[in-house]
PDB file of N, CA and C in Angstrom:
ATOM      1  N   MET A   1      -3.048   1.365   1.984  1.00  0.00           N
ATOM      2  CA  MET A   1      -2.826  -0.033   1.770  1.00  0.00           C
ATOM      3  C   MET A   1      -1.728  -0.507   2.718  1.00  0.00           C
ATOM      4  N   ARG A   2      -1.866  -1.730   3.176  1.00  0.00           N
ATOM      5  CA  ARG A   2      -0.868  -2.290   4.085  1.00  0.00           C
ATOM      6  C   ARG A   2       0.196  -3.053   3.309  1.00  0.00           C
ATOM      7  N   VAL A   3       1.419  -2.919   3.760  1.00  0.00           N
ATOM      8  CA  VAL A   3       2.539  -3.628   3.156  1.00  0.00           C
ATOM      9  C   VAL A   3       2.553  -5.047   3.718  1.00  0.00           C
ATOM     10  N   LYS A   4       2.530  -6.043   2.844  1.00  0.00           N
ATOM     11  CA  LYS A   4       2.551  -7.434   3.297  1.00  0.00           C
ATOM     12  C   LYS A   4       3.926  -7.828   3.822  1.00  0.00           C
ATOM     13  N   ASP A   5       4.955  -7.635   3.007  1.00  0.00           N
ATOM     14  CA  ASP A   5       6.315  -8.018   3.370  1.00  0.00           C
ATOM     15  C   ASP A   5       7.286  -6.991   2.782  1.00  0.00           C
ATOM     16  N   PRO A   6       7.807  -6.110   3.607  1.00  0.00           N
ATOM     17  CA  PRO A   6       8.715  -5.074   3.099  1.00  0.00           C
ATOM     18  C   PRO A   6       9.930  -5.640   2.365  1.00  0.00           C
ATOM     19  N   ALA A   7      10.436  -6.766   2.824  1.00  0.00           N
ATOM     20  CA  ALA A   7      11.613  -7.370   2.190  1.00  0.00           C
ATOM     21  C   ALA A   7      11.308  -7.817   0.762  1.00  0.00           C
ATOM     22  N   LYS A   8      10.072  -8.185   0.497  1.00  0.00           N
ATOM     23  CA  LYS A   8       9.690  -8.612  -0.851  1.00  0.00           C
ATOM     24  C   LYS A   8       9.785  -7.445  -1.831  1.00  0.00           C
ATOM     25  N   ILE A   9       9.441  -6.254  -1.376  1.00  0.00           N
ATOM     26  CA  ILE A   9       9.559  -5.066  -2.230  1.00  0.00           C
ATOM     27  C   ILE A   9      11.027  -4.849  -2.594  1.00  0.00           C
ATOM     28  N   ARG A  10      11.890  -4.988  -1.605  1.00  0.00           N
ATOM     29  CA  ARG A  10      13.326  -4.834  -1.848  1.00  0.00           C
ATOM     30  C   ARG A  10      13.832  -5.883  -2.843  1.00  0.00           C
ATOM     31  N   ARG A  11      13.409  -7.146  -2.656  1.00  0.00           N
ATOM     32  CA  ARG A  11      13.840  -8.207  -3.572  1.00  0.00           C
ATOM     33  C   ARG A  11      13.402  -7.930  -5.003  1.00  0.00           C
ATOM     34  N   TRP A  12      12.140  -7.506  -5.168  1.00  0.00           N
ATOM     35  CA  TRP A  12      11.648  -7.200  -6.512  1.00  0.00           C
ATOM     36  C   TRP A  12      12.403  -6.018  -7.124  1.00  0.00           C
ATOM     37  N   ARG A  13      12.678  -5.009  -6.301  1.00  0.00           N
ATOM     38  CA  ARG A  13      13.420  -3.842  -6.808  1.00  0.00           C
ATOM     39  C   ARG A  13      14.801  -4.256  -7.300  1.00  0.00           C
ATOM     40  N   LYS A  14      15.489  -5.069  -6.507  1.00  0.00           N
ATOM     41  CA  LYS A  14      16.831  -5.511  -6.895  1.00  0.00           C
ATOM     42  C   LYS A  14      16.780  -6.413  -8.125  1.00  0.00           C
ATOM     43  N   GLN A  15      15.756  -7.240  -8.216  1.00  0.00           N
ATOM     44  CA  GLN A  15      15.610  -8.117  -9.377  1.00  0.00           C
ATOM     45  C   GLN A  15      15.425  -7.307 -10.660  1.00  0.00           C
ATOM     46  N   ARG A  16      14.807  -6.140 -10.536  1.00  0.00           N
ATOM     47  CA  ARG A  16      14.608  -5.254 -11.693  1.00  0.00           C
ATOM     48  C   ARG A  16      15.796  -4.329 -11.926  1.00  0.00           C
ATOM     49  N   HIS A  17      16.831  -4.487 -11.095  1.00  0.00           N
ATOM     50  CA  HIS A  17      18.068  -3.689 -11.210  1.00  0.00           C
ATOM     51  C   HIS A  17      17.829  -2.192 -11.019  1.00  0.00           C
ATOM     52  N   PHE A  18      16.925  -1.871 -10.089  1.00  0.00           N
ATOM     53  CA  PHE A  18      16.677  -0.477  -9.727  1.00  0.00           C
ATOM     54  C   PHE A  18      17.383  -0.185  -8.408  1.00  0.00           C
ATOM     55  N   THR A  19      17.947   0.993  -8.283  1.00  0.00           N
ATOM     56  CA  THR A  19      18.388   1.463  -6.974  1.00  0.00           C
ATOM     57  C   THR A  19      17.164   2.051  -6.283  1.00  0.00           C
ATOM     58  N   GLN A  20      17.294   2.327  -4.998  1.00  0.00           N
ATOM     59  CA  GLN A  20      16.192   2.999  -4.296  1.00  0.00           C
ATOM     60  C   GLN A  20      15.924   4.352  -4.946  1.00  0.00           C
ATOM     61  N   ARG A  21      16.980   5.020  -5.346  1.00  0.00           N
ATOM     62  CA  ARG A  21      16.836   6.329  -5.986  1.00  0.00           C
ATOM     63  C   ARG A  21      16.094   6.208  -7.324  1.00  0.00           C
ATOM     64  N   ASP A  22      16.407   5.166  -8.106  1.00  0.00           N
ATOM     65  CA  ASP A  22      15.719   4.938  -9.381  1.00  0.00           C
ATOM     66  C   ASP A  22      14.221   4.749  -9.165  1.00  0.00           C
ATOM     67  N   LEU A  23      13.886   3.855  -8.237  1.00  0.00           N
ATOM     68  CA  LEU A  23      12.469   3.580  -7.977  1.00  0.00           C
ATOM     69  C   LEU A  23      11.767   4.820  -7.445  1.00  0.00           C
ATOM     70  N   ALA A  24      12.438   5.541  -6.574  1.00  0.00           N
ATOM     71  CA  ALA A  24      11.859   6.770  -6.031  1.00  0.00           C
ATOM     72  C   ALA A  24      11.525   7.756  -7.147  1.00  0.00           C
ATOM     73  N   TYR A  25      12.436   7.906  -8.080  1.00  0.00           N
ATOM     74  CA  TYR A  25      12.205   8.808  -9.209  1.00  0.00           C
ATOM     75  C   TYR A  25      10.999   8.344 -10.031  1.00  0.00           C
ATOM     76  N   LEU A  26      10.913   7.050 -10.280  1.00  0.00           N
ATOM     77  CA  LEU A  26       9.834   6.505 -11.104  1.00  0.00           C
ATOM     78  C   LEU A  26       8.454   6.641 -10.460  1.00  0.00           C
ATOM     79  N   VAL A  27       8.411   6.589  -9.132  1.00  0.00           N
ATOM     80  CA  VAL A  27       7.119   6.699  -8.442  1.00  0.00           C
ATOM     81  C   VAL A  27       6.901   8.076  -7.817  1.00  0.00           C
ATOM     82  N   ARG A  28       7.823   8.990  -8.123  1.00  0.00           N
ATOM     83  CA  ARG A  28       7.717  10.381  -7.662  1.00  0.00           C
ATOM     84  C   ARG A  28       7.661  10.520  -6.143  1.00  0.00           C
ATOM     85  N   ARG A  29       8.551   9.796  -5.496  1.00  0.00           N
ATOM     86  CA  ARG A  29       8.718   9.878  -4.052  1.00  0.00           C
ATOM     87  C   ARG A  29      10.208  10.057  -3.766  1.00  0.00           C
ATOM     88  N   SER A  30      10.560  10.209  -2.512  1.00  0.00           N
ATOM     89  CA  SER A  30      11.969  10.363  -2.145  1.00  0.00           C
ATOM     90  C   SER A  30      12.615   8.992  -1.948  1.00  0.00           C
ATOM     91  N   GLN A  31      13.937   8.986  -2.027  1.00  0.00           N
ATOM     92  CA  GLN A  31      14.676   7.758  -1.754  1.00  0.00           C
ATOM     93  C   GLN A  31      14.441   7.335  -0.314  1.00  0.00           C
ATOM     94  N   THR A  32      14.277   8.301   0.565  1.00  0.00           N
ATOM     95  CA  THR A  32      14.012   8.021   1.971  1.00  0.00           C
ATOM     96  C   THR A  32      12.683   7.276   2.138  1.00  0.00           C
ATOM     97  N   ALA A  33      11.687   7.635   1.339  1.00  0.00           N
ATOM     98  CA  ALA A  33      10.388   6.948   1.399  1.00  0.00           C
ATOM     99  C   ALA A  33      10.519   5.492   0.960  1.00  0.00           C
ATOM    100  N   ILE A  34      11.315   5.238  -0.071  1.00  0.00           N
ATOM    101  CA  ILE A  34      11.536   3.876  -0.537  1.00  0.00           C
ATOM    102  C   ILE A  34      12.281   3.070   0.524  1.00  0.00           C
ATOM    103  N   TYR A  35      13.294   3.686   1.119  1.00  0.00           N
ATOM    104  CA  TYR A  35      14.034   3.034   2.204  1.00  0.00           C
ATOM    105  C   TYR A  35      13.086   2.656   3.343  1.00  0.00           C
ATOM    106  N   ALA A  36      12.274   3.617   3.777  1.00  0.00           N
ATOM    107  CA  ALA A  36      11.338   3.371   4.883  1.00  0.00           C
ATOM    108  C   ALA A  36      10.351   2.261   4.533  1.00  0.00           C
ATOM    109  N   LEU A  37       9.924   2.212   3.293  1.00  0.00           N
ATOM    110  CA  LEU A  37       9.015   1.169   2.829  1.00  0.00           C
ATOM    111  C   LEU A  37       9.686  -0.202   2.909  1.00  0.00           C
ATOM    112  N   GLU A  38      10.927  -0.283   2.480  1.00  0.00           N
ATOM    113  CA  GLU A  38      11.645  -1.557   2.430  1.00  0.00           C
ATOM    114  C   GLU A  38      12.082  -2.089   3.794  1.00  0.00           C
ATOM    115  N   VAL A  39      12.297  -1.221   4.745  1.00  0.00           N
ATOM    116  CA  VAL A  39      12.716  -1.689   6.072  1.00  0.00           C
ATOM    117  C   VAL A  39      11.548  -1.826   7.047  1.00  0.00           C
ATOM    118  N   GLY A  40      10.339  -1.529   6.571  1.00  0.00           N
ATOM    119  CA  GLY A  40       9.154  -1.730   7.394  1.00  0.00           C
ATOM    120  C   GLY A  40       8.755  -0.559   8.258  1.00  0.00           C
ATOM    121  N   LYS A  41       9.361   0.591   8.049  1.00  0.00           N
ATOM    122  CA  LYS A  41       8.973   1.777   8.814  1.00  0.00           C
ATOM    123  C   LYS A  41       7.655   2.355   8.321  1.00  0.00           C
ATOM    124  N   LEU A  42       7.338   2.099   7.072  1.00  0.00           N
ATOM    125  CA  LEU A  42       6.036   2.489   6.508  1.00  0.00           C
ATOM    126  C   LEU A  42       5.215   1.217   6.349  1.00  0.00           C
ATOM    127  N   ARG A  43       4.304   0.965   7.245  1.00  0.00           N
ATOM    128  CA  ARG A  43       3.484  -0.245   7.164  1.00  0.00           C
ATOM    129  C   ARG A  43       2.200   0.000   6.377  1.00  0.00           C
ATOM    130  N   THR A  44       1.743   1.240   6.360  1.00  0.00           N
ATOM    131  CA  THR A  44       0.533   1.596   5.619  1.00  0.00           C
ATOM    132  C   THR A  44       0.875   2.776   4.719  1.00  0.00           C
ATOM    133  N   ILE A  45       0.524   2.657   3.441  1.00  0.00           N
ATOM    134  CA  ILE A  45       0.819   3.723   2.488  1.00  0.00           C
ATOM    135  C   ILE A  45      -0.425   4.028   1.675  1.00  0.00           C
ATOM    136  N   SER A  46      -0.389   5.131   0.958  1.00  0.00           N
ATOM    137  CA  SER A  46      -1.532   5.519   0.140  1.00  0.00           C
ATOM    138  C   SER A  46      -1.699   4.558  -1.032  1.00  0.00           C
ATOM    139  N   GLU A  47      -2.913   4.496  -1.524  1.00  0.00           N
ATOM    140  CA  GLU A  47      -3.210   3.606  -2.641  1.00  0.00           C
ATOM    141  C   GLU A  47      -2.408   3.987  -3.882  1.00  0.00           C
ATOM    142  N   ASP A  48      -2.291   5.281  -4.156  1.00  0.00           N
ATOM    143  CA  ASP A  48      -1.558   5.688  -5.357  1.00  0.00           C
ATOM    144  C   ASP A  48      -0.075   5.334  -5.258  1.00  0.00           C
ATOM    145  N   PHE A  49       0.510   5.446  -4.072  1.00  0.00           N
ATOM    146  CA  PHE A  49       1.909   5.065  -3.868  1.00  0.00           C
ATOM    147  C   PHE A  49       2.080   3.564  -4.080  1.00  0.00           C
ATOM    148  N   ALA A  50       1.206   2.767  -3.483  1.00  0.00           N
ATOM    149  CA  ALA A  50       1.274   1.308  -3.605  1.00  0.00           C
ATOM    150  C   ALA A  50       1.134   0.864  -5.055  1.00  0.00           C
ATOM    151  N   LEU A  51       0.161   1.424  -5.746  1.00  0.00           N
ATOM    152  CA  LEU A  51      -0.061   1.040  -7.140  1.00  0.00           C
ATOM    153  C   LEU A  51       1.102   1.455  -8.029  1.00  0.00           C
ATOM    154  N   ALA A  52       1.695   2.604  -7.749  1.00  0.00           N
ATOM    155  CA  ALA A  52       2.839   3.070  -8.529  1.00  0.00           C
ATOM    156  C   ALA A  52       4.047   2.154  -8.324  1.00  0.00           C
ATOM    157  N   VAL A  53       4.298   1.761  -7.082  1.00  0.00           N
ATOM    158  CA  VAL A  53       5.420   0.865  -6.797  1.00  0.00           C
ATOM    159  C   VAL A  53       5.204  -0.470  -7.511  1.00  0.00           C
ATOM    160  N   ALA A  54       4.024  -1.032  -7.363  1.00  0.00           N
ATOM    161  CA  ALA A  54       3.730  -2.330  -7.993  1.00  0.00           C
ATOM    162  C   ALA A  54       3.856  -2.235  -9.515  1.00  0.00           C
ATOM    163  N   ALA A  55       3.347  -1.163 -10.098  1.00  0.00           N
ATOM    164  CA  ALA A  55       3.403  -1.006 -11.548  1.00  0.00           C
ATOM    165  C   ALA A  55       4.846  -0.882 -12.031  1.00  0.00           C
ATOM    166  N   ARG A  56       5.664  -0.091 -11.342  1.00  0.00           N
ATOM    167  CA  ARG A  56       7.054   0.103 -11.764  1.00  0.00           C
ATOM    168  C   ARG A  56       7.892  -1.155 -11.564  1.00  0.00           C
ATOM    169  N   LEU A  57       7.499  -1.991 -10.598  1.00  0.00           N
ATOM    170  CA  LEU A  57       8.212  -3.252 -10.402  1.00  0.00           C
ATOM    171  C   LEU A  57       7.619  -4.369 -11.259  1.00  0.00           C
ATOM    172  N   ASP A  58       6.521  -4.054 -11.944  1.00  0.00           N
ATOM    173  CA  ASP A  58       5.831  -5.008 -12.809  1.00  0.00           C
ATOM    174  C   ASP A  58       5.391  -6.254 -12.034  1.00  0.00           C
ATOM    175  N   VAL A  59       4.749  -5.983 -10.897  1.00  0.00           N
ATOM    176  CA  VAL A  59       4.263  -7.034 -10.005  1.00  0.00           C
ATOM    177  C   VAL A  59       2.806  -6.710  -9.681  1.00  0.00           C
ATOM    178  N   PRO A  60       1.919  -7.716  -9.642  1.00  0.00           N
ATOM    179  CA  PRO A  60       0.542  -7.431  -9.221  1.00  0.00           C
ATOM    180  C   PRO A  60       0.536  -6.828  -7.807  1.00  0.00           C
ATOM    181  N   TRP A  61      -0.235  -5.777  -7.607  1.00  0.00           N
ATOM    182  CA  TRP A  61      -0.215  -5.089  -6.311  1.00  0.00           C
ATOM    183  C   TRP A  61      -0.615  -6.008  -5.168  1.00  0.00           C
ATOM    184  N   GLU A  62      -1.447  -7.014  -5.466  1.00  0.00           N
ATOM    185  CA  GLU A  62      -1.902  -7.939  -4.429  1.00  0.00           C
ATOM    186  C   GLU A  62      -0.753  -8.761  -3.842  1.00  0.00           C
ATOM    187  N   GLU A  63       0.336  -8.898  -4.598  1.00  0.00           N
ATOM    188  CA  GLU A  63       1.484  -9.657  -4.105  1.00  0.00           C
ATOM    189  C   GLU A  63       2.272  -8.866  -3.057  1.00  0.00           C
ATOM    190  N   LEU A  64       2.233  -7.538  -3.157  1.00  0.00           N
ATOM    191  CA  LEU A  64       3.017  -6.697  -2.261  1.00  0.00           C
ATOM    192  C   LEU A  64       2.198  -6.025  -1.165  1.00  0.00           C
ATOM    193  N   PHE A  65       0.920  -5.778  -1.459  1.00  0.00           N
ATOM    194  CA  PHE A  65       0.093  -4.986  -0.550  1.00  0.00           C
ATOM    195  C   PHE A  65      -1.270  -5.637  -0.344  1.00  0.00           C
ATOM    196  N   GLU A  66      -1.928  -5.242   0.726  1.00  0.00           N
ATOM    197  CA  GLU A  66      -3.309  -5.646   0.922  1.00  0.00           C
ATOM    198  C   GLU A  66      -4.136  -4.402   1.198  1.00  0.00           C
ATOM    199  N   ALA A  67      -5.321  -4.409   0.648  1.00  0.00           N
ATOM    200  CA  ALA A  67      -6.194  -3.244   0.813  1.00  0.00           C
ATOM    201  C   ALA A  67      -6.570  -3.111   2.282  1.00  0.00           C
ATOM    202  N   ALA A  68      -6.495  -1.910   2.785  1.00  0.00           N
ATOM    203  CA  ALA A  68      -6.847  -1.632   4.178  1.00  0.00           C
ATOM    204  C   ALA A  68      -8.068  -0.739   4.185  1.00  0.00           C
ATOM    205  N   GLU A  69      -9.129  -1.194   4.814  1.00  0.00           N
ATOM    206  CA  GLU A  69     -10.341  -0.385   4.894  1.00  0.00           C
ATOM    207  C   GLU A  69     -10.076   0.777   5.830  1.00  0.00           C
ATOM    208  N   SER A  70     -10.397   1.949   5.366  1.00  0.00           N
ATOM    209  CA  SER A  70     -10.156   3.129   6.200  1.00  0.00           C
ATOM    210  C   SER A  70     -11.106   3.130   7.388  1.00  0.00           C
ATOM    211  N   LYS A  71     -10.684   3.778   8.469  1.00  0.00           N
ATOM    212  CA  LYS A  71     -11.499   3.823   9.678  1.00  0.00           C
ATOM    213  C   LYS A  71     -12.815   4.548   9.427  1.00  0.00           C
ATOM    214  N   SER A  72     -12.775   5.603   8.636  1.00  0.00           N
ATOM    215  CA  SER A  72     -14.000   6.353   8.374  1.00  0.00           C
ATOM    216  C   SER A  72     -14.986   5.498   7.585  1.00  0.00           C
ATOM    217  N   MET A  73     -14.466   4.698   6.651  1.00  0.00           N
ATOM    218  CA  MET A  73     -15.332   3.820   5.880  1.00  0.00           C
ATOM    219  C   MET A  73     -15.905   2.732   6.778  1.00  0.00           C
ATOM    220  N   ALA A  74     -15.096   2.193   7.683  1.00  0.00           N
ATOM    221  CA  ALA A  74     -15.562   1.157   8.589  1.00  0.00           C
ATOM    222  C   ALA A  74     -16.669   1.691   9.501  1.00  0.00           C
ATOM    223  N   SER A  75     -16.491   2.900  10.032  1.00  0.00           N
ATOM    224  CA  SER A  75     -17.512   3.462  10.904  1.00  0.00           C
ATOM    225  C   SER A  75     -18.774   3.798  10.121  1.00  0.00           C
ATOM    226  N   MET A  76     -18.618   4.222   8.869  1.00  0.00           N
ATOM    227  CA  MET A  76     -19.773   4.508   8.039  1.00  0.00           C
ATOM    228  C   MET A  76     -20.549   3.216   7.745  1.00  0.00           C
ATOM    229  N   THR A  77     -19.837   2.133   7.473  1.00  0.00           N
ATOM    230  CA  THR A  77     -20.479   0.845   7.218  1.00  0.00           C
ATOM    231  C   THR A  77     -21.245   0.387   8.450  1.00  0.00           C
ATOM    232  N   THR A  78     -20.655   0.542   9.613  1.00  0.00           N
ATOM    233  CA  THR A  78     -21.311   0.173  10.861  1.00  0.00           C
ATOM    234  C   THR A  78     -22.570   1.010  11.066  1.00  0.00           C
ATOM    235  N   ALA A  79     -22.495   2.299  10.804  1.00  0.00           N
ATOM    236  CA  ALA A  79     -23.660   3.179  10.961  1.00  0.00           C
ATOM    237  C   ALA A  79     -24.779   2.786  10.010  1.00  0.00           C
ATOM    238  N   VAL A  80     -24.437   2.416   8.789  1.00  0.00           N
ATOM    239  CA  VAL A  80     -25.449   1.996   7.813  1.00  0.00           C
ATOM    240  C   VAL A  80     -26.123   0.707   8.282  1.00  0.00           C
ATOM    241  N   ARG A  81     -25.343  -0.221   8.805  1.00  0.00           N
ATOM    242  CA  ARG A  81     -25.914  -1.488   9.312  1.00  0.00           C
ATOM    243  C   ARG A  81     -26.858  -1.235  10.479  1.00  0.00           C
ATOM    244  N   ARG A  82     -26.479  -0.353  11.389  1.00  0.00           N
ATOM    245  CA  ARG A  82     -27.337  -0.036  12.539  1.00  0.00           C
ATOM    246  C   ARG A  82     -28.654   0.581  12.070  1.00  0.00           C
ATOM    247  N   THR A  83     -28.543   1.501  11.117  1.00  0.00           N
ATOM    248  CA  THR A  83     -29.746   2.157  10.585  1.00  0.00           C
ATOM    249  C   THR A  83     -30.657   1.135   9.924  1.00  0.00           C
ATOM    250  N   ALA A  84     -30.078   0.214   9.155  1.00  0.00           N
ATOM    251  CA  ALA A  84     -30.872  -0.814   8.483  1.00  0.00           C
ATOM    252  C   ALA A  84     -31.532  -1.735   9.503  1.00  0.00           C
ATOM    253  N   THR A  85     -30.833  -2.062  10.583  1.00  0.00           N
ATOM    254  CA  THR A  85     -31.386  -2.922  11.633  1.00  0.00           C
ATOM    255  C   THR A  85     -32.546  -2.222  12.330  1.00  0.00           C
ATOM    256  N   LEU A  86     -32.375  -0.943  12.619  1.00  0.00           N
ATOM    257  CA  LEU A  86     -33.439  -0.175  13.285  1.00  0.00           C
ATOM    258  C   LEU A  86     -34.647  -0.031  12.359  1.00  0.00           C
ATOM    259  N   ALA A  87     -34.421   0.168  11.095  1.00  0.00           N
ATOM    260  CA  ALA A  87     -35.522   0.325  10.148  1.00  0.00           C
ATOM    261  C   ALA A  87     -36.288  -0.979   9.975  1.00  0.00           C
ATOM    262  N   ALA A  88     -35.597  -2.103  10.067  1.00  0.00           N
ATOM    263  CA  ALA A  88     -36.248  -3.403   9.895  1.00  0.00           C
ATOM    264  C   ALA A  88     -37.053  -3.795  11.122  1.00  0.00           C
ATOM    265  N   ALA A  89     -36.724  -3.237  12.275  1.00  0.00           N
ATOM    266  CA  ALA A  89     -37.405  -3.617  13.527  1.00  0.00           C
ATOM    267  C   ALA A  89     -38.764  -3.023  13.676  1.00  0.00           C
TER     268      ALA A  89
END
């Protein structure tokens, strides 16, 4: 999942009175991972990480992240479309 605005994650964390270490513990990641997320060094993260952060901050995940289609899924979709086009011809 792509991070929409790293600063927004930081604002929500502070509003909930969590330190980076607190949030890291709650989502089972390192404080360094939370730091990297908040300063924009991690622009794409796993779905489980994104959902855990959103849940612990009590924010809808759509406000913090956007779903990113994986490259393998995109290429598979393209292959299916080509096959369907060839079959229809």
